[in-house]
Amino acid sequence: MEKVTLREYSKRKKLSYFTVMKLVRNGEVESETVVEEGKDVSYILLDDEAKKDTQKKRVNITPQTVTLQEENMLLKEEIVKLKEALERCNRRTVLS
């Protein structure tokens, strides 16, 4: 199991340092915190992540048969939800 600092991980994956910090904080990436010279240093464990990536590739996605009418209804429902979310966002912006 290889330990890599957040900065090294961000360089390898070509992500920003703050994005990597969010991944660690949300638990999307397996990490470990160690106290070094009186400071908490976070390390990312790479071997477990590699296994997760290979498991994701092995999963077969089976297409579902959906009629055009059903798909149309689902899309209309999603549009309504998105409009409501946009209105809430606009209200927050106007009030601020």
PDB file of N, CA and C in Angstrom:
ATOM      1  N   MET A   1       0.838  -1.165   0.000  1.00  0.00           N
ATOM      2  CA  MET A   1       0.000   0.000   0.000  1.00  0.00           C
ATOM      3  C   MET A   1       0.891   1.238   0.000  1.00  0.00           C
ATOM      4  N   GLU A   2       0.774   2.034  -1.011  1.00  0.00           N
ATOM      5  CA  GLU A   2       1.622   3.202  -1.161  1.00  0.00           C
ATOM      6  C   GLU A   2       0.941   4.435  -0.575  1.00  0.00           C
ATOM      7  N   LYS A   3       1.697   5.181   0.237  1.00  0.00           N
ATOM      8  CA  LYS A   3       1.191   6.420   0.804  1.00  0.00           C
ATOM      9  C   LYS A   3       1.732   7.580  -0.013  1.00  0.00           C
ATOM     10  N   VAL A   4       0.846   8.511  -0.361  1.00  0.00           N
ATOM     11  CA  VAL A   4       1.227   9.662  -1.157  1.00  0.00           C
ATOM     12  C   VAL A   4       0.621  10.901  -0.500  1.00  0.00           C
ATOM     13  N   THR A   5       1.394  11.984  -0.467  1.00  0.00           N
ATOM     14  CA  THR A   5       0.873  13.225   0.096  1.00  0.00           C
ATOM     15  C   THR A   5      -0.194  13.801  -0.831  1.00  0.00           C
ATOM     16  N   LEU A   6      -0.970  14.738  -0.302  1.00  0.00           N
ATOM     17  CA  LEU A   6      -2.032  15.351  -1.093  1.00  0.00           C
ATOM     18  C   LEU A   6      -1.470  16.081  -2.313  1.00  0.00           C
ATOM     19  N   ARG A   7      -0.358  16.761  -2.126  1.00  0.00           N
ATOM     20  CA  ARG A   7       0.246  17.492  -3.241  1.00  0.00           C
ATOM     21  C   ARG A   7       0.723  16.542  -4.346  1.00  0.00           C
ATOM     22  N   GLU A   8       1.341  15.432  -3.951  1.00  0.00           N
ATOM     23  CA  GLU A   8       1.807  14.458  -4.936  1.00  0.00           C
ATOM     24  C   GLU A   8       0.622  13.838  -5.680  1.00  0.00           C
ATOM     25  N   TYR A   9      -0.444  13.525  -4.954  1.00  0.00           N
ATOM     26  CA  TYR A   9      -1.647  12.954  -5.564  1.00  0.00           C
ATOM     27  C   TYR A   9      -2.250  13.944  -6.559  1.00  0.00           C
ATOM     28  N   SER A  10      -2.296  15.218  -6.178  1.00  0.00           N
ATOM     29  CA  SER A  10      -2.862  16.220  -7.081  1.00  0.00           C
ATOM     30  C   SER A  10      -2.028  16.346  -8.354  1.00  0.00           C
ATOM     31  N   LYS A  11      -0.711  16.212  -8.234  1.00  0.00           N
ATOM     32  CA  LYS A  11       0.148  16.266  -9.420  1.00  0.00           C
ATOM     33  C   LYS A  11      -0.068  15.047 -10.306  1.00  0.00           C
ATOM     34  N   ARG A  12      -0.186  13.859  -9.695  1.00  0.00           N
ATOM     35  CA  ARG A  12      -0.358  12.630 -10.469  1.00  0.00           C
ATOM     36  C   ARG A  12      -1.691  12.609 -11.210  1.00  0.00           C
ATOM     37  N   LYS A  13      -2.745  13.048 -10.548  1.00  0.00           N
ATOM     38  CA  LYS A  13      -4.081  13.009 -11.138  1.00  0.00           C
ATOM     39  C   LYS A  13      -4.450  14.292 -11.880  1.00  0.00           C
ATOM     40  N   LYS A  14      -3.543  15.278 -11.850  1.00  0.00           N
ATOM     41  CA  LYS A  14      -3.745  16.566 -12.508  1.00  0.00           C
ATOM     42  C   LYS A  14      -5.014  17.252 -12.005  1.00  0.00           C
ATOM     43  N   LEU A  15      -5.138  17.299 -10.677  1.00  0.00           N
ATOM     44  CA  LEU A  15      -6.238  17.973 -10.006  1.00  0.00           C
ATOM     45  C   LEU A  15      -5.671  19.103  -9.168  1.00  0.00           C
ATOM     46  N   SER A  16      -6.517  20.036  -8.798  1.00  0.00           N
ATOM     47  CA  SER A  16      -6.047  21.087  -7.909  1.00  0.00           C
ATOM     48  C   SER A  16      -5.916  20.527  -6.494  1.00  0.00           C
ATOM     49  N   TYR A  17      -5.068  21.158  -5.714  1.00  0.00           N
ATOM     50  CA  TYR A  17      -4.823  20.720  -4.337  1.00  0.00           C
ATOM     51  C   TYR A  17      -6.113  20.785  -3.518  1.00  0.00           C
ATOM     52  N   PHE A  18      -6.902  21.820  -3.730  1.00  0.00           N
ATOM     53  CA  PHE A  18      -8.122  21.986  -2.962  1.00  0.00           C
ATOM     54  C   PHE A  18      -9.173  20.944  -3.338  1.00  0.00           C
ATOM     55  N   THR A  19      -9.197  20.525  -4.595  1.00  0.00           N
ATOM     56  CA  THR A  19     -10.100  19.457  -5.011  1.00  0.00           C
ATOM     57  C   THR A  19      -9.730  18.155  -4.312  1.00  0.00           C
ATOM     58  N   VAL A  20      -8.449  17.893  -4.200  1.00  0.00           N
ATOM     59  CA  VAL A  20      -7.986  16.684  -3.515  1.00  0.00           C
ATOM     60  C   VAL A  20      -8.354  16.754  -2.030  1.00  0.00           C
ATOM     61  N   MET A  21      -8.228  17.938  -1.433  1.00  0.00           N
ATOM     62  CA  MET A  21      -8.622  18.098  -0.030  1.00  0.00           C
ATOM     63  C   MET A  21     -10.106  17.791   0.151  1.00  0.00           C
ATOM     64  N   LYS A  22     -10.938  18.230  -0.786  1.00  0.00           N
ATOM     65  CA  LYS A  22     -12.373  17.949  -0.713  1.00  0.00           C
ATOM     66  C   LYS A  22     -12.641  16.454  -0.843  1.00  0.00           C
ATOM     67  N   LEU A  23     -11.915  15.783  -1.737  1.00  0.00           N
ATOM     68  CA  LEU A  23     -12.081  14.340  -1.914  1.00  0.00           C
ATOM     69  C   LEU A  23     -11.764  13.602  -0.619  1.00  0.00           C
ATOM     70  N   VAL A  24     -10.697  14.034   0.054  1.00  0.00           N
ATOM     71  CA  VAL A  24     -10.300  13.389   1.312  1.00  0.00           C
ATOM     72  C   VAL A  24     -11.351  13.666   2.385  1.00  0.00           C
ATOM     73  N   ARG A  25     -11.797  14.907   2.467  1.00  0.00           N
ATOM     74  CA  ARG A  25     -12.761  15.293   3.491  1.00  0.00           C
ATOM     75  C   ARG A  25     -14.096  14.566   3.306  1.00  0.00           C
ATOM     76  N   ASN A  26     -14.530  14.360   2.046  1.00  0.00           N
ATOM     77  CA  ASN A  26     -15.788  13.681   1.771  1.00  0.00           C
ATOM     78  C   ASN A  26     -15.667  12.168   1.835  1.00  0.00           C
ATOM     79  N   GLY A  27     -14.450  11.653   1.947  1.00  0.00           N
ATOM     80  CA  GLY A  27     -14.250  10.219   2.034  1.00  0.00           C
ATOM     81  C   GLY A  27     -14.280   9.520   0.694  1.00  0.00           C
ATOM     82  N   GLU A  28     -14.166  10.249  -0.386  1.00  0.00           N
ATOM     83  CA  GLU A  28     -14.169   9.643  -1.710  1.00  0.00           C
ATOM     84  C   GLU A  28     -12.840   8.974  -2.027  1.00  0.00           C
ATOM     85  N   VAL A  29     -11.799   9.390  -1.342  1.00  0.00           N
ATOM     86  CA  VAL A  29     -10.472   8.810  -1.502  1.00  0.00           C
ATOM     87  C   VAL A  29     -10.032   8.319  -0.129  1.00  0.00           C
ATOM     88  N   GLU A  30      -9.505   7.108  -0.082  1.00  0.00           N
ATOM     89  CA  GLU A  30      -9.071   6.555   1.196  1.00  0.00           C
ATOM     90  C   GLU A  30      -7.791   7.254   1.643  1.00  0.00           C
ATOM     91  N   SER A  31      -7.795   7.730   2.881  1.00  0.00           N
ATOM     92  CA  SER A  31      -6.651   8.497   3.356  1.00  0.00           C
ATOM     93  C   SER A  31      -6.325   8.138   4.799  1.00  0.00           C
ATOM     94  N   GLU A  32      -5.186   8.644   5.237  1.00  0.00           N
ATOM     95  CA  GLU A  32      -4.685   8.398   6.584  1.00  0.00           C
ATOM     96  C   GLU A  32      -4.002   9.673   7.065  1.00  0.00           C
ATOM     97  N   THR A  33      -4.269  10.053   8.315  1.00  0.00           N
ATOM     98  CA  THR A  33      -3.650  11.253   8.876  1.00  0.00           C
ATOM     99  C   THR A  33      -2.596  10.845   9.890  1.00  0.00           C
ATOM    100  N   VAL A  34      -1.393  11.419   9.740  1.00  0.00           N
ATOM    101  CA  VAL A  34      -0.263  11.101  10.604  1.00  0.00           C
ATOM    102  C   VAL A  34       0.276  12.403  11.180  1.00  0.00           C
ATOM    103  N   VAL A  35       0.698  12.365  12.448  1.00  0.00           N
ATOM    104  CA  VAL A  35       1.291  13.545  13.073  1.00  0.00           C
ATOM    105  C   VAL A  35       2.798  13.507  12.833  1.00  0.00           C
ATOM    106  N   GLU A  36       3.298  14.520  12.121  1.00  0.00           N
ATOM    107  CA  GLU A  36       4.728  14.633  11.841  1.00  0.00           C
ATOM    108  C   GLU A  36       5.194  16.013  12.275  1.00  0.00           C
ATOM    109  N   GLU A  37       6.182  16.044  13.124  1.00  0.00           N
ATOM    110  CA  GLU A  37       6.758  17.285  13.627  1.00  0.00           C
ATOM    111  C   GLU A  37       5.687  18.212  14.200  1.00  0.00           C
ATOM    112  N   GLY A  38       4.722  17.632  14.881  1.00  0.00           N
ATOM    113  CA  GLY A  38       3.670  18.415  15.522  1.00  0.00           C
ATOM    114  C   GLY A  38       2.565  18.875  14.589  1.00  0.00           C
ATOM    115  N   LYS A  39       2.552  18.437  13.337  1.00  0.00           N
ATOM    116  CA  LYS A  39       1.529  18.832  12.371  1.00  0.00           C
ATOM    117  C   LYS A  39       0.822  17.589  11.850  1.00  0.00           C
ATOM    118  N   ASP A  40      -0.471  17.731  11.588  1.00  0.00           N
ATOM    119  CA  ASP A  40      -1.226  16.643  10.976  1.00  0.00           C
ATOM    120  C   ASP A  40      -0.964  16.642   9.479  1.00  0.00           C
ATOM    121  N   VAL A  41      -0.477  15.509   8.972  1.00  0.00           N
ATOM    122  CA  VAL A  41      -0.193  15.365   7.546  1.00  0.00           C
ATOM    123  C   VAL A  41      -1.072  14.244   7.018  1.00  0.00           C
ATOM    124  N   SER A  42      -1.818  14.530   5.946  1.00  0.00           N
ATOM    125  CA  SER A  42      -2.701  13.527   5.354  1.00  0.00           C
ATOM    126  C   SER A  42      -1.988  12.820   4.213  1.00  0.00           C
ATOM    127  N   TYR A  43      -2.152  11.511   4.173  1.00  0.00           N
ATOM    128  CA  TYR A  43      -1.616  10.692   3.095  1.00  0.00           C
ATOM    129  C   TYR A  43      -2.766   9.956   2.436  1.00  0.00           C
ATOM    130  N   ILE A  44      -2.680   9.785   1.135  1.00  0.00           N
ATOM    131  CA  ILE A  44      -3.674   9.033   0.389  1.00  0.00           C
ATOM    132  C   ILE A  44      -3.106   7.653   0.108  1.00  0.00           C
ATOM    133  N   LEU A  45      -3.918   6.637   0.319  1.00  0.00           N
ATOM    134  CA  LEU A  45      -3.513   5.259   0.088  1.00  0.00           C
ATOM    135  C   LEU A  45      -3.902   4.882  -1.334  1.00  0.00           C
ATOM    136  N   LEU A  46      -2.908   4.551  -2.176  1.00  0.00           N
ATOM    137  CA  LEU A  46      -3.158   4.348  -3.596  1.00  0.00           C
ATOM    138  C   LEU A  46      -3.590   2.944  -3.992  1.00  0.00           C
ATOM    139  N   ASP A  47      -3.152   1.912  -3.329  1.00  0.00           N
ATOM    140  CA  ASP A  47      -3.476   0.554  -3.752  1.00  0.00           C
ATOM    141  C   ASP A  47      -4.973   0.282  -3.733  1.00  0.00           C
ATOM    142  N   ASP A  48      -5.666   0.737  -2.719  1.00  0.00           N
ATOM    143  CA  ASP A  48      -7.106   0.511  -2.638  1.00  0.00           C
ATOM    144  C   ASP A  48      -7.835   1.234  -3.757  1.00  0.00           C
ATOM    145  N   GLU A  49      -7.339   2.375  -4.137  1.00  0.00           N
ATOM    146  CA  GLU A  49      -7.977   3.129  -5.210  1.00  0.00           C
ATOM    147  C   GLU A  49      -7.819   2.393  -6.539  1.00  0.00           C
ATOM    148  N   ALA A  50      -6.671   1.791  -6.768  1.00  0.00           N
ATOM    149  CA  ALA A  50      -6.447   1.056  -8.006  1.00  0.00           C
ATOM    150  C   ALA A  50      -7.405  -0.126  -8.095  1.00  0.00           C
ATOM    151  N   LYS A  51      -7.660  -0.784  -6.978  1.00  0.00           N
ATOM    152  CA  LYS A  51      -8.602  -1.899  -6.971  1.00  0.00           C
ATOM    153  C   LYS A  51     -10.006  -1.426  -7.284  1.00  0.00           C
ATOM    154  N   LYS A  52     -10.397  -0.268  -6.753  1.00  0.00           N
ATOM    155  CA  LYS A  52     -11.724   0.269  -7.022  1.00  0.00           C
ATOM    156  C   LYS A  52     -11.881   0.576  -8.504  1.00  0.00           C
ATOM    157  N   ASP A  53     -10.831   1.129  -9.123  1.00  0.00           N
ATOM    158  CA  ASP A  53     -10.896   1.453 -10.545  1.00  0.00           C
ATOM    159  C   ASP A  53     -11.082   0.194 -11.388  1.00  0.00           C
ATOM    160  N   THR A  54     -10.381  -0.881 -11.038  1.00  0.00           N
ATOM    161  CA  THR A  54     -10.527  -2.107 -11.811  1.00  0.00           C
ATOM    162  C   THR A  54     -11.893  -2.724 -11.598  1.00  0.00           C
ATOM    163  N   GLN A  55     -12.447  -2.591 -10.392  1.00  0.00           N
ATOM    164  CA  GLN A  55     -13.783  -3.122 -10.136  1.00  0.00           C
ATOM    165  C   GLN A  55     -14.826  -2.343 -10.923  1.00  0.00           C
ATOM    166  N   LYS A  56     -14.645  -1.053 -11.060  1.00  0.00           N
ATOM    167  CA  LYS A  56     -15.578  -0.247 -11.832  1.00  0.00           C
ATOM    168  C   LYS A  56     -15.561  -0.662 -13.293  1.00  0.00           C
ATOM    169  N   LYS A  57     -14.380  -0.991 -13.822  1.00  0.00           N
ATOM    170  CA  LYS A  57     -14.273  -1.386 -15.218  1.00  0.00           C
ATOM    171  C   LYS A  57     -14.937  -2.725 -15.474  1.00  0.00           C
ATOM    172  N   ARG A  58     -14.978  -3.597 -14.486  1.00  0.00           N
ATOM    173  CA  ARG A  58     -15.560  -4.921 -14.645  1.00  0.00           C
ATOM    174  C   ARG A  58     -17.084  -4.906 -14.666  1.00  0.00           C
ATOM    175  N   VAL A  59     -17.692  -3.870 -14.122  1.00  0.00           N
ATOM    176  CA  VAL A  59     -19.141  -3.797 -14.073  1.00  0.00           C
ATOM    177  C   VAL A  59     -19.680  -3.569 -15.474  1.00  0.00           C
ATOM    178  N   ASN A  60     -20.603  -4.435 -15.883  1.00  0.00           N
ATOM    179  CA  ASN A  60     -21.216  -4.304 -17.194  1.00  0.00           C
ATOM    180  C   ASN A  60     -22.493  -3.489 -17.066  1.00  0.00           C
ATOM    181  N   ILE A  61     -22.636  -2.519 -17.933  1.00  0.00           N
ATOM    182  CA  ILE A  61     -23.832  -1.703 -17.929  1.00  0.00           C
ATOM    183  C   ILE A  61     -24.791  -2.284 -18.954  1.00  0.00           C
ATOM    184  N   THR A  62     -25.989  -2.642 -18.486  1.00  0.00           N
ATOM    185  CA  THR A  62     -26.986  -3.194 -19.381  1.00  0.00           C
ATOM    186  C   THR A  62     -27.981  -2.097 -19.734  1.00  0.00           C
ATOM    187  N   PRO A  63     -28.218  -1.884 -20.997  1.00  0.00           N
ATOM    188  CA  PRO A  63     -29.169  -0.841 -21.386  1.00  0.00           C
ATOM    189  C   PRO A  63     -30.600  -1.251 -21.031  1.00  0.00           C
ATOM    190  N   GLN A  64     -31.356  -0.302 -20.532  1.00  0.00           N
ATOM    191  CA  GLN A  64     -32.736  -0.568 -20.193  1.00  0.00           C
ATOM    192  C   GLN A  64     -33.608  -0.156 -21.367  1.00  0.00           C
ATOM    193  N   THR A  65     -34.650  -0.921 -21.575  1.00  0.00           N
ATOM    194  CA  THR A  65     -35.565  -0.570 -22.649  1.00  0.00           C
ATOM    195  C   THR A  65     -36.626   0.369 -22.100  1.00  0.00           C
ATOM    196  N   VAL A  66     -36.613   1.568 -22.604  1.00  0.00           N
ATOM    197  CA  VAL A  66     -37.563   2.587 -22.189  1.00  0.00           C
ATOM    198  C   VAL A  66     -38.224   3.138 -23.444  1.00  0.00           C
ATOM    199  N   THR A  67     -39.525   3.222 -23.394  1.00  0.00           N
ATOM    200  CA  THR A  67     -40.219   3.757 -24.556  1.00  0.00           C
ATOM    201  C   THR A  67     -39.985   5.263 -24.637  1.00  0.00           C
ATOM    202  N   LEU A  68     -40.237   5.802 -25.788  1.00  0.00           N
ATOM    203  CA  LEU A  68     -40.040   7.233 -25.981  1.00  0.00           C
ATOM    204  C   LEU A  68     -40.981   8.043 -25.093  1.00  0.00           C
ATOM    205  N   GLN A  69     -42.180   7.556 -24.887  1.00  0.00           N
ATOM    206  CA  GLN A  69     -43.141   8.277 -24.047  1.00  0.00           C
ATOM    207  C   GLN A  69     -42.665   8.318 -22.602  1.00  0.00           C
ATOM    208  N   GLU A  70     -42.151   7.188 -22.102  1.00  0.00           N
ATOM    209  CA  GLU A  70     -41.641   7.147 -20.734  1.00  0.00           C
ATOM    210  C   GLU A  70     -40.442   8.079 -20.577  1.00  0.00           C
ATOM    211  N   GLU A  71     -39.557   8.048 -21.549  1.00  0.00           N
ATOM    212  CA  GLU A  71     -38.384   8.916 -21.505  1.00  0.00           C
ATOM    213  C   GLU A  71     -38.791  10.384 -21.551  1.00  0.00           C
ATOM    214  N   ASN A  72     -39.792  10.694 -22.371  1.00  0.00           N
ATOM    215  CA  ASN A  72     -40.290  12.056 -22.463  1.00  0.00           C
ATOM    216  C   ASN A  72     -40.856  12.520 -21.123  1.00  0.00           C
ATOM    217  N   MET A  73     -41.621  11.676 -20.437  1.00  0.00           N
ATOM    218  CA  MET A  73     -42.197  12.017 -19.135  1.00  0.00           C
ATOM    219  C   MET A  73     -41.095  12.243 -18.101  1.00  0.00           C
ATOM    220  N   LEU A  74     -40.074  11.384 -18.101  1.00  0.00           N
ATOM    221  CA  LEU A  74     -38.964  11.532 -17.165  1.00  0.00           C
ATOM    222  C   LEU A  74     -38.220  12.845 -17.404  1.00  0.00           C
ATOM    223  N   LEU A  75     -38.012  13.182 -18.655  1.00  0.00           N
ATOM    224  CA  LEU A  75     -37.322  14.428 -18.981  1.00  0.00           C
ATOM    225  C   LEU A  75     -38.143  15.652 -18.566  1.00  0.00           C
ATOM    226  N   LYS A  76     -39.458  15.578 -18.753  1.00  0.00           N
ATOM    227  CA  LYS A  76     -40.316  16.692 -18.337  1.00  0.00           C
ATOM    228  C   LYS A  76     -40.268  16.874 -16.816  1.00  0.00           C
ATOM    229  N   GLU A  77     -40.282  15.764 -16.072  1.00  0.00           N
ATOM    230  CA  GLU A  77     -40.191  15.843 -14.614  1.00  0.00           C
ATOM    231  C   GLU A  77     -38.852  16.458 -14.191  1.00  0.00           C
ATOM    232  N   GLU A  78     -37.786  16.071 -14.875  1.00  0.00           N
ATOM    233  CA  GLU A  78     -36.475  16.611 -14.555  1.00  0.00           C
ATOM    234  C   GLU A  78     -36.409  18.107 -14.858  1.00  0.00           C
ATOM    235  N   ILE A  79     -37.043  18.534 -15.944  1.00  0.00           N
ATOM    236  CA  ILE A  79     -37.077  19.953 -16.285  1.00  0.00           C
ATOM    237  C   ILE A  79     -37.792  20.743 -15.202  1.00  0.00           C
ATOM    238  N   VAL A  80     -38.898  20.214 -14.691  1.00  0.00           N
ATOM    239  CA  VAL A  80     -39.637  20.900 -13.629  1.00  0.00           C
ATOM    240  C   VAL A  80     -38.770  21.037 -12.385  1.00  0.00           C
ATOM    241  N   LYS A  81     -38.076  19.966 -12.022  1.00  0.00           N
ATOM    242  CA  LYS A  81     -37.202  20.010 -10.845  1.00  0.00           C
ATOM    243  C   LYS A  81     -36.085  21.032 -11.026  1.00  0.00           C
ATOM    244  N   LEU A  82     -35.503  21.067 -12.220  1.00  0.00           N
ATOM    245  CA  LEU A  82     -34.423  22.013 -12.491  1.00  0.00           C
ATOM    246  C   LEU A  82     -34.917  23.452 -12.461  1.00  0.00           C
ATOM    247  N   LYS A  83     -36.123  23.688 -12.962  1.00  0.00           N
ATOM    248  CA  LYS A  83     -36.687  25.040 -12.919  1.00  0.00           C
ATOM    249  C   LYS A  83     -36.906  25.482 -11.476  1.00  0.00           C
ATOM    250  N   GLU A  84     -37.399  24.573 -10.639  1.00  0.00           N
ATOM    251  CA  GLU A  84     -37.607  24.895  -9.228  1.00  0.00           C
ATOM    252  C   GLU A  84     -36.279  25.212  -8.543  1.00  0.00           C
ATOM    253  N   ALA A  85     -35.259  24.428  -8.837  1.00  0.00           N
ATOM    254  CA  ALA A  85     -33.946  24.665  -8.247  1.00  0.00           C
ATOM    255  C   ALA A  85     -33.380  26.004  -8.711  1.00  0.00           C
ATOM    256  N   LEU A  86     -33.586  26.343  -9.979  1.00  0.00           N
ATOM    257  CA  LEU A  86     -33.116  27.613 -10.505  1.00  0.00           C
ATOM    258  C   LEU A  86     -33.834  28.781  -9.841  1.00  0.00           C
ATOM    259  N   GLU A  87     -35.128  28.638  -9.620  1.00  0.00           N
ATOM    260  CA  GLU A  87     -35.887  29.693  -8.950  1.00  0.00           C
ATOM    261  C   GLU A  87     -35.389  29.894  -7.524  1.00  0.00           C
ATOM    262  N   ARG A  88     -35.121  28.802  -6.806  1.00  0.00           N
ATOM    263  CA  ARG A  88     -34.593  28.913  -5.440  1.00  0.00           C
ATOM    264  C   ARG A  88     -33.242  29.622  -5.452  1.00  0.00           C
ATOM    265  N   CYS A  89     -32.416  29.284  -6.414  1.00  0.00           N
ATOM    266  CA  CYS A  89     -31.089  29.906  -6.519  1.00  0.00           C
ATOM    267  C   CYS A  89     -31.229  31.395  -6.820  1.00  0.00           C
ATOM    268  N   ASN A  90     -32.129  31.737  -7.719  1.00  0.00           N
ATOM    269  CA  ASN A  90     -32.339  33.141  -8.061  1.00  0.00           C
ATOM    270  C   ASN A  90     -32.874  33.923  -6.872  1.00  0.00           C
ATOM    271  N   ARG A  91     -33.771  33.324  -6.084  1.00  0.00           N
ATOM    272  CA  ARG A  91     -34.286  34.006  -4.902  1.00  0.00           C
ATOM    273  C   ARG A  91     -33.175  34.285  -3.916  1.00  0.00           C
ATOM    274  N   ARG A  92     -32.277  33.314  -3.710  1.00  0.00           N
ATOM    275  CA  ARG A  92     -31.153  33.507  -2.792  1.00  0.00           C
ATOM    276  C   ARG A  92     -30.243  34.615  -3.277  1.00  0.00           C
ATOM    277  N   THR A  93     -30.032  34.677  -4.581  1.00  0.00           N
ATOM    278  CA  THR A  93     -29.147  35.680  -5.152  1.00  0.00           C
ATOM    279  C   THR A  93     -29.748  37.076  -5.017  1.00  0.00           C
ATOM    280  N   VAL A  94     -31.039  37.209  -5.243  1.00  0.00           N
ATOM    281  CA  VAL A  94     -31.700  38.502  -5.166  1.00  0.00           C
ATOM    282  C   VAL A  94     -31.729  39.002  -3.728  1.00  0.00           C
ATOM    283  N   LEU A  95     -31.966  38.098  -2.759  1.00  0.00           N
ATOM    284  CA  LEU A  95     -32.057  38.502  -1.376  1.00  0.00           C
ATOM    285  C   LEU A  95     -30.714  38.947  -0.804  1.00  0.00           C
ATOM    286  N   SER A  96     -29.629  38.432  -1.346  1.00  0.00           N
ATOM    287  CA  SER A  96     -28.306  38.756  -0.809  1.00  0.00           C
ATOM    288  C   SER A  96     -27.849  40.075  -1.207  1.00  0.00           C
TER     289      SER A  96
END
